[in-house]
Amino acid sequence: MKIQPIMMAPQLNLTDIRDQYIARVVQGKTFAEVGGLWGTVSEKVSVAKQFGATELTMIDAASMTEHQYLWQAFHDRMVSLNIDKYHCLSLDICDIQIEEIGKPYDVVHCAGVLYHHPHPMQMLVALRKITGQYLVLTSAITQEVIENEKGRYQIPPSGVMFVPALSESEREILTVYWEQFMIKERGMAVMGITQPADYNLDDFAPWWWLPTAHALRSMCEVAGFKVLDNGLTWHNNALSLLLSV
C-alpha cells in the first residue's frame, strides 16, 4: 500500500481551528501527534512548538523502512523550521503501551485518522490512554441528509455509516456528493466511495466509518473524554473537537 506524500503548510495558519485549539492548551505541556504523516493533513508538531510545548513526539503507523520517505519529509520539515528536538515512534496507536512512552502526553493531536481505522472506538480508547489532559481530534463526518440527481441518502443523527456496507445506489449518491470536495491533482479520493477499495483489517487507506457530528461527539464521551469545544470544517464535512480527560 502506498501512502500519499505528506502535505504540509509552509506557515502557521490560525484560521485552522486545530491550530486554535492547540494554541489554547499547549503552553508548557508535552505534546504528541498521532498519524501526522498521512495524506493531506498537515503536521501540527511545529504548531505545538511555536505555542510553547516543552516536548514533541510524532507517532505514526507508517513503517520507518517501508515508508521512509514519509518520515524523511517530516524530518526535512522540522529542519526547515529549526526544530531539532523531537521524538518519533512508528506504532499503531492501538498497540501503544504506556511503558513505551513513560507517561501520557499532556496534549495529543490526531486528525484525519479515525475514519481510516477499522476499530474507531478502540482507537479512541487508545487515545484516551495516552492523553494526560487534552486531545485535539478531527475526523471526517457524514451529513445526515445527502440529496442529488442520483437520489437521497439519509442517516439518523445517532448514525455511523459503515462504508463497506454501502449499496451501489447509495455509493452513487455519495460519490456525486464527495467528488466536489476532492482535489484530484493531489490524488485525493474517498477510498470505498469515489474509488473502489478492497477492505482488510490491516489496511488504513480506505474510509471505513463516517459518523454524524452528533455520533462523533458521543463516541468521544463514551471513550472517556469531555467535549470542551467543537467546530465544523472542510465545508461541514469534518468535525474538530477540543477534548479533556
Protein backbone atom coordinates (compact mmCIF):
# COMPACT_ATOMS: atom_id res chain seq x y z
CA MET A 1 0.00 0.00 0.00
CA LYS A 2 1.44 3.37 -0.99
CA ILE A 3 0.67 6.28 1.29
CA GLN A 4 0.36 9.70 -0.28
CA PRO A 5 3.28 12.07 0.42
CA ILE A 6 2.92 14.42 3.34
CA MET A 7 1.32 17.80 2.59
CA MET A 8 2.48 20.50 4.99
CA ALA A 9 1.52 24.15 5.09
CA PRO A 10 4.58 26.43 4.81
CA GLN A 11 3.48 28.62 7.72
CA LEU A 12 1.15 28.66 10.67
CA ASN A 13 -2.45 29.43 9.80
CA LEU A 14 -4.54 30.37 12.81
CA THR A 15 -7.69 30.24 10.72
CA ASP A 16 -7.25 26.48 11.14
CA ILE A 17 -9.42 25.50 14.10
CA ARG A 18 -6.93 22.77 15.02
CA ASP A 19 -4.19 25.38 15.42
CA GLN A 20 -6.51 27.48 17.58
CA TYR A 21 -7.27 24.56 19.89
CA ILE A 22 -3.61 23.57 20.20
CA ALA A 23 -2.62 27.18 20.94
CA ARG A 24 -5.18 27.33 23.76
CA VAL A 25 -3.79 24.41 25.74
CA VAL A 26 -0.21 23.51 24.78
CA GLN A 27 1.89 26.16 26.56
CA GLY A 28 4.31 24.39 28.92
CA LYS A 29 2.91 20.94 28.02
CA THR A 30 4.26 17.77 26.46
CA PHE A 31 2.76 17.17 23.02
CA ALA A 32 2.27 14.18 20.74
CA GLU A 33 0.76 13.94 17.29
CA VAL A 34 -0.84 10.69 16.12
CA GLY A 35 -0.97 9.97 12.39
CA GLY A 36 0.56 13.23 11.19
CA LEU A 37 2.36 11.70 8.21
CA TRP A 38 -0.77 10.63 6.33
CA GLY A 39 -2.35 12.17 3.26
CA THR A 40 -3.17 15.87 3.18
CA VAL A 41 -3.47 16.52 6.91
CA SER A 42 -0.76 18.97 7.95
CA GLU A 43 1.55 18.04 10.78
CA LYS A 44 0.99 20.03 13.97
CA VAL A 45 4.23 19.32 15.85
CA SER A 46 5.52 22.67 14.58
CA VAL A 47 2.37 24.43 15.80
CA ALA A 48 2.82 22.95 19.26
CA LYS A 49 6.45 24.08 19.28
CA GLN A 50 5.50 27.63 18.30
CA PHE A 51 3.00 27.86 21.14
CA GLY A 52 5.31 26.63 23.85
CA ALA A 53 5.21 22.83 24.05
CA THR A 54 8.07 21.50 26.14
CA GLU A 55 8.44 18.11 24.45
CA LEU A 56 7.44 16.95 20.96
CA THR A 57 6.61 13.48 19.62
CA MET A 58 5.35 12.20 16.27
CA ILE A 59 3.55 8.84 16.35
CA ASP A 60 2.53 7.15 13.10
CA ALA A 61 1.76 3.63 11.94
CA ALA A 62 3.92 4.16 8.85
CA SER A 63 6.99 1.93 8.89
CA MET A 64 10.31 3.77 9.13
CA THR A 65 11.71 1.43 6.47
CA GLU A 66 8.85 0.76 4.04
CA HIS A 67 7.58 4.35 4.26
CA GLN A 68 10.90 6.00 5.00
CA TYR A 69 10.09 8.80 2.53
CA LEU A 70 7.24 9.99 4.77
CA TRP A 71 9.44 10.15 7.83
CA GLN A 72 12.13 11.91 5.78
CA ALA A 73 9.60 14.52 4.66
CA PHE A 74 8.75 15.13 8.32
CA HIS A 75 12.43 15.37 9.30
CA ASP A 76 13.06 17.81 6.44
CA ARG A 77 10.10 19.88 7.59
CA MET A 78 11.49 20.07 11.11
CA VAL A 79 14.94 21.07 9.82
CA SER A 80 13.39 23.84 7.72
CA LEU A 81 11.76 25.23 10.88
CA ASN A 82 14.88 24.85 13.05
CA ILE A 83 13.20 22.24 15.25
CA ASP A 84 15.80 19.68 16.26
CA LYS A 85 14.44 18.16 19.47
CA TYR A 86 11.60 15.72 18.91
CA HIS A 87 10.84 12.02 19.20
CA CYS A 88 9.45 9.64 16.57
CA LEU A 89 7.50 6.43 17.18
CA SER A 90 6.43 4.04 14.43
CA LEU A 91 3.43 2.37 16.07
CA ASP A 92 -0.27 1.76 15.55
CA ILE A 93 -1.93 3.84 18.24
CA CYS A 94 -3.94 0.81 19.35
CA ASP A 95 -0.73 -1.11 20.09
CA ILE A 96 0.96 1.52 22.27
CA GLN A 97 1.70 0.56 25.85
CA ILE A 98 2.22 3.25 28.49
CA GLU A 99 5.54 1.62 29.36
CA GLU A 100 6.78 2.52 25.87
CA ILE A 101 6.14 6.24 26.30
CA GLY A 102 6.77 6.58 30.05
CA LYS A 103 3.61 8.51 30.87
CA PRO A 104 0.68 10.06 29.00
CA TYR A 105 1.31 13.18 26.94
CA ASP A 106 -0.29 16.36 28.26
CA VAL A 107 -1.71 17.26 24.84
CA VAL A 108 -2.38 14.90 21.93
CA HIS A 109 -3.42 15.84 18.40
CA CYS A 110 -4.99 13.42 15.92
CA ALA A 111 -6.59 14.42 12.61
CA GLY A 112 -7.64 12.52 9.52
CA VAL A 113 -7.12 9.10 11.07
CA LEU A 114 -10.23 7.90 12.93
CA TYR A 115 -12.36 7.13 9.87
CA HIS A 116 -9.46 5.19 8.32
CA HIS A 117 -9.19 2.83 11.28
CA PRO A 118 -11.14 -0.45 11.27
CA HIS A 119 -11.73 -0.11 15.03
CA PRO A 120 -12.64 3.53 15.80
CA MET A 121 -13.81 3.02 19.38
CA GLN A 122 -10.70 1.00 20.16
CA MET A 123 -8.67 3.86 18.71
CA LEU A 124 -10.47 6.45 20.83
CA VAL A 125 -9.86 4.36 23.95
CA ALA A 126 -6.18 4.12 22.97
CA LEU A 127 -6.03 7.90 22.53
CA ARG A 128 -7.60 8.32 25.95
CA LYS A 129 -4.91 6.08 27.42
CA ILE A 130 -2.04 8.24 26.12
CA THR A 131 -3.75 11.61 26.77
CA GLY A 132 -2.89 13.26 30.06
CA GLN A 133 -5.01 16.42 29.76
CA TYR A 134 -6.28 17.39 26.29
CA LEU A 135 -6.96 15.76 22.93
CA VAL A 136 -7.49 17.78 19.75
CA LEU A 137 -9.34 15.42 17.42
CA THR A 138 -10.55 15.90 13.86
CA SER A 139 -12.47 13.38 11.79
CA ALA A 140 -14.42 13.39 8.57
CA ILE A 141 -18.14 13.03 9.19
CA THR A 142 -21.26 12.39 7.14
CA GLN A 143 -24.17 14.74 6.62
CA GLU A 144 -27.45 13.40 7.94
CA VAL A 145 -29.11 14.01 4.57
CA ILE A 146 -27.40 13.98 1.16
CA GLU A 147 -29.60 14.51 -1.87
CA ASN A 148 -28.67 14.99 -5.52
CA GLU A 149 -29.60 13.80 -9.01
CA LYS A 150 -28.69 10.23 -8.03
CA GLY A 151 -31.17 10.10 -5.17
CA ARG A 152 -31.36 10.67 -1.42
CA TYR A 153 -29.18 9.21 1.35
CA GLN A 154 -30.31 9.71 4.95
CA ILE A 155 -28.92 8.61 8.27
CA PRO A 156 -30.26 9.43 11.77
CA PRO A 157 -28.34 11.87 14.00
CA SER A 158 -27.12 8.91 16.06
CA GLY A 159 -25.88 7.05 12.98
CA VAL A 160 -22.44 5.90 11.89
CA MET A 161 -22.02 4.94 8.22
CA PHE A 162 -20.13 1.66 7.70
CA VAL A 163 -18.65 2.34 4.29
CA PRO A 164 -18.04 -1.30 3.20
CA ALA A 165 -21.78 -1.98 3.63
CA LEU A 166 -22.97 0.70 1.20
CA SER A 167 -25.15 -0.45 -1.66
CA GLU A 168 -24.29 0.55 -5.22
CA SER A 169 -27.15 3.04 -5.32
CA GLU A 170 -26.02 4.62 -2.03
CA ARG A 171 -22.44 4.77 -3.28
CA GLU A 172 -23.56 6.58 -6.44
CA ILE A 173 -25.32 9.26 -4.38
CA LEU A 174 -22.34 9.68 -2.08
CA THR A 175 -19.84 9.73 -4.95
CA VAL A 176 -21.59 12.72 -6.53
CA TYR A 177 -21.52 14.47 -3.15
CA TRP A 178 -17.90 13.75 -2.19
CA GLU A 179 -16.29 14.32 -5.57
CA GLN A 180 -16.94 18.06 -5.32
CA PHE A 181 -14.58 18.22 -2.33
CA MET A 182 -11.75 16.09 -3.75
CA ILE A 183 -8.63 17.74 -5.19
CA LYS A 184 -7.84 15.18 -7.87
CA GLU A 185 -4.48 16.77 -8.73
CA ARG A 186 -3.32 15.74 -5.25
CA GLY A 187 -4.66 12.24 -5.67
CA MET A 188 -7.48 12.84 -3.22
CA ALA A 189 -10.25 10.25 -3.19
CA VAL A 190 -12.68 8.67 -0.78
CA MET A 191 -11.46 5.10 -0.96
CA GLY A 192 -14.56 2.95 -0.70
CA ILE A 193 -16.89 5.62 -2.11
CA THR A 194 -15.42 7.63 -5.00
CA GLN A 195 -12.93 4.85 -5.73
CA PRO A 196 -13.25 1.08 -5.14
CA ALA A 197 -11.49 -0.41 -2.13
CA ASP A 198 -10.58 -3.94 -1.12
CA TYR A 199 -11.10 -3.99 2.62
CA ASN A 200 -8.87 -5.88 5.00
CA LEU A 201 -8.29 -5.21 8.68
CA ASP A 202 -4.63 -4.26 8.20
CA ASP A 203 -5.35 -1.56 5.63
CA PHE A 204 -5.72 2.04 6.81
CA ALA A 205 -6.11 3.54 3.32
CA PRO A 206 -9.88 3.08 2.80
CA TRP A 207 -12.54 5.06 4.59
CA TRP A 208 -14.18 2.62 6.99
CA TRP A 209 -16.62 4.74 9.00
CA LEU A 210 -18.33 8.12 8.77
CA PRO A 211 -20.19 9.18 11.92
CA THR A 212 -22.55 12.10 12.07
CA ALA A 213 -21.30 15.06 14.12
CA HIS A 214 -23.62 14.06 16.96
CA ALA A 215 -22.43 10.46 16.88
CA LEU A 216 -18.76 11.50 16.90
CA ARG A 217 -19.24 13.68 19.97
CA SER A 218 -20.97 10.79 21.71
CA MET A 219 -18.20 8.36 20.72
CA CYS A 220 -15.63 10.66 22.33
CA GLU A 221 -17.67 10.91 25.53
CA VAL A 222 -18.10 7.13 25.76
CA ALA A 223 -14.32 6.75 25.35
CA GLY A 224 -13.81 8.91 28.45
CA PHE A 225 -13.43 12.46 27.13
CA LYS A 226 -15.31 15.67 27.87
CA VAL A 227 -16.15 17.93 24.92
CA LEU A 228 -14.86 21.43 25.72
CA ASP A 229 -15.34 22.90 22.24
CA ASN A 230 -16.03 21.74 18.72
CA GLY A 231 -16.47 23.18 15.26
CA LEU A 232 -17.25 22.10 11.73
CA THR A 233 -14.64 22.46 8.99
CA TRP A 234 -13.99 21.35 5.39
CA HIS A 235 -17.39 22.52 4.12
CA ASN A 236 -19.05 20.89 7.16
CA ASN A 237 -17.59 17.50 6.21
CA ALA A 238 -15.27 17.29 9.22
CA LEU A 239 -15.59 17.99 12.92
CA SER A 240 -12.75 19.23 15.13
CA LEU A 241 -13.06 18.79 18.87
CA LEU A 242 -11.14 20.07 21.87
CA LEU A 243 -11.47 17.33 24.47
CA SER A 244 -10.35 16.98 28.06
CA VAL A 245 -9.91 13.86 30.15
